[in-house]
């Protein structure tokens, strides 16, 4: 069993999820990941923990596609604003 699927054997309470996820979004926030995206990811992860479901990429993609606006990640913004190098 993959380590990221171990939670599927246990149901996690709200309090346990709060404890497990404490501080987990600080590093992405410090790197400039948009707050709206972090909220959506936090909700998604909490639902996985509470339901005991495994992560499926297609579910995550569908969840992210429901966001009100397309999110531009900090490193994508850097690439988009960089001027092309000409020889």
Protein backbone atom coordinates (compact mmCIF):
# COMPACT_ATOMS: atom_id res chain seq x y z
CA UNK A 1 0.00 0.00 0.00
CA UNK A 2 1.25 3.43 -0.90
CA UNK A 3 1.98 5.67 2.10
CA UNK A 4 -0.41 8.35 0.84
CA UNK A 5 -3.30 5.84 0.95
CA UNK A 6 -2.87 4.78 4.58
CA UNK A 7 -5.51 7.24 5.73
CA UNK A 8 -8.11 5.23 3.83
CA UNK A 9 -8.15 2.64 6.64
CA UNK A 10 -9.10 5.17 9.30
CA UNK A 11 -11.77 7.82 9.62
CA UNK A 12 -10.34 11.13 10.77
CA UNK A 13 -12.36 13.48 12.94
CA UNK A 14 -12.36 17.24 12.42
CA UNK A 15 -10.10 17.69 15.44
CA UNK A 16 -7.65 15.08 14.16
CA UNK A 17 -7.61 16.70 10.72
CA UNK A 18 -6.91 20.07 12.35
CA UNK A 19 -3.99 18.53 14.21
CA UNK A 20 -2.60 16.63 11.20
CA UNK A 21 -2.90 19.62 8.86
CA UNK A 22 -1.61 22.24 11.34
CA UNK A 23 0.97 24.33 9.52
CA UNK A 24 0.92 22.23 6.36
CA UNK A 25 -0.05 25.17 4.13
CA UNK A 26 2.52 27.62 5.53
CA UNK A 27 5.32 26.71 3.10
CA UNK A 28 3.16 26.99 -0.04
CA UNK A 29 1.72 30.29 1.27
CA UNK A 30 5.24 31.62 1.85
CA UNK A 31 6.09 30.73 -1.77
CA UNK A 32 3.14 32.79 -2.96
CA UNK A 33 0.61 30.07 -3.74
CA UNK A 34 -2.76 31.88 -3.94
CA UNK A 35 -4.89 31.76 -0.82
CA UNK A 36 -7.96 30.60 -2.75
CA UNK A 37 -6.06 27.58 -4.06
CA UNK A 38 -4.84 26.72 -0.56
CA UNK A 39 -8.42 26.87 0.75
CA UNK A 40 -9.63 24.55 -2.00
CA UNK A 41 -6.78 22.10 -1.41
CA UNK A 42 -7.34 22.17 2.35
CA UNK A 43 -11.03 21.37 1.88
CA UNK A 44 -10.22 18.60 -0.60
CA UNK A 45 -7.65 16.98 1.73
CA UNK A 46 -10.04 17.21 4.69
CA UNK A 47 -12.74 15.48 2.66
CA UNK A 48 -10.32 12.69 1.76
CA UNK A 49 -9.34 12.25 5.41
CA UNK A 50 -12.92 12.29 6.66
CA UNK A 51 -14.24 9.92 4.00
CA UNK A 52 -11.30 7.53 3.87
CA UNK A 53 -11.09 7.88 0.09
CA UNK A 54 -7.81 7.69 -1.79
CA UNK A 55 -6.49 10.55 -3.85
CA UNK A 56 -7.32 10.27 -7.53
CA UNK A 57 -5.76 12.75 -9.90
CA UNK A 58 -8.97 13.03 -11.94
CA UNK A 59 -10.94 14.00 -8.79
CA UNK A 60 -8.38 16.63 -7.90
CA UNK A 61 -8.40 18.04 -11.44
CA UNK A 62 -12.19 18.18 -11.37
CA UNK A 63 -12.14 19.92 -7.98
CA UNK A 64 -9.63 22.51 -9.19
CA UNK A 65 -11.59 23.10 -12.40
CA UNK A 66 -14.55 24.24 -10.29
CA UNK A 67 -12.62 27.19 -8.90
CA UNK A 68 -14.13 30.57 -9.78
CA UNK A 69 -11.04 31.76 -11.57
CA UNK A 70 -7.99 30.13 -13.04
CA UNK A 71 -5.14 30.33 -10.55
CA UNK A 72 -1.69 31.33 -11.72
CA UNK A 73 1.00 29.82 -9.53
CA UNK A 74 3.97 32.02 -8.55
CA UNK A 75 6.48 30.09 -10.64
CA UNK A 76 4.15 30.21 -13.65
CA UNK A 77 3.78 33.97 -13.20
CA UNK A 78 7.58 34.30 -13.17
CA UNK A 79 7.83 32.33 -16.42
CA UNK A 80 5.03 34.31 -18.07
CA UNK A 81 6.63 37.66 -17.20
CA UNK A 82 10.15 36.67 -18.19
CA UNK A 83 11.23 38.16 -21.46
CA UNK A 84 12.43 35.68 -24.07
CA UNK A 85 16.14 35.49 -24.61
CA UNK A 86 17.18 36.49 -28.11
CA UNK A 87 20.55 35.55 -29.57
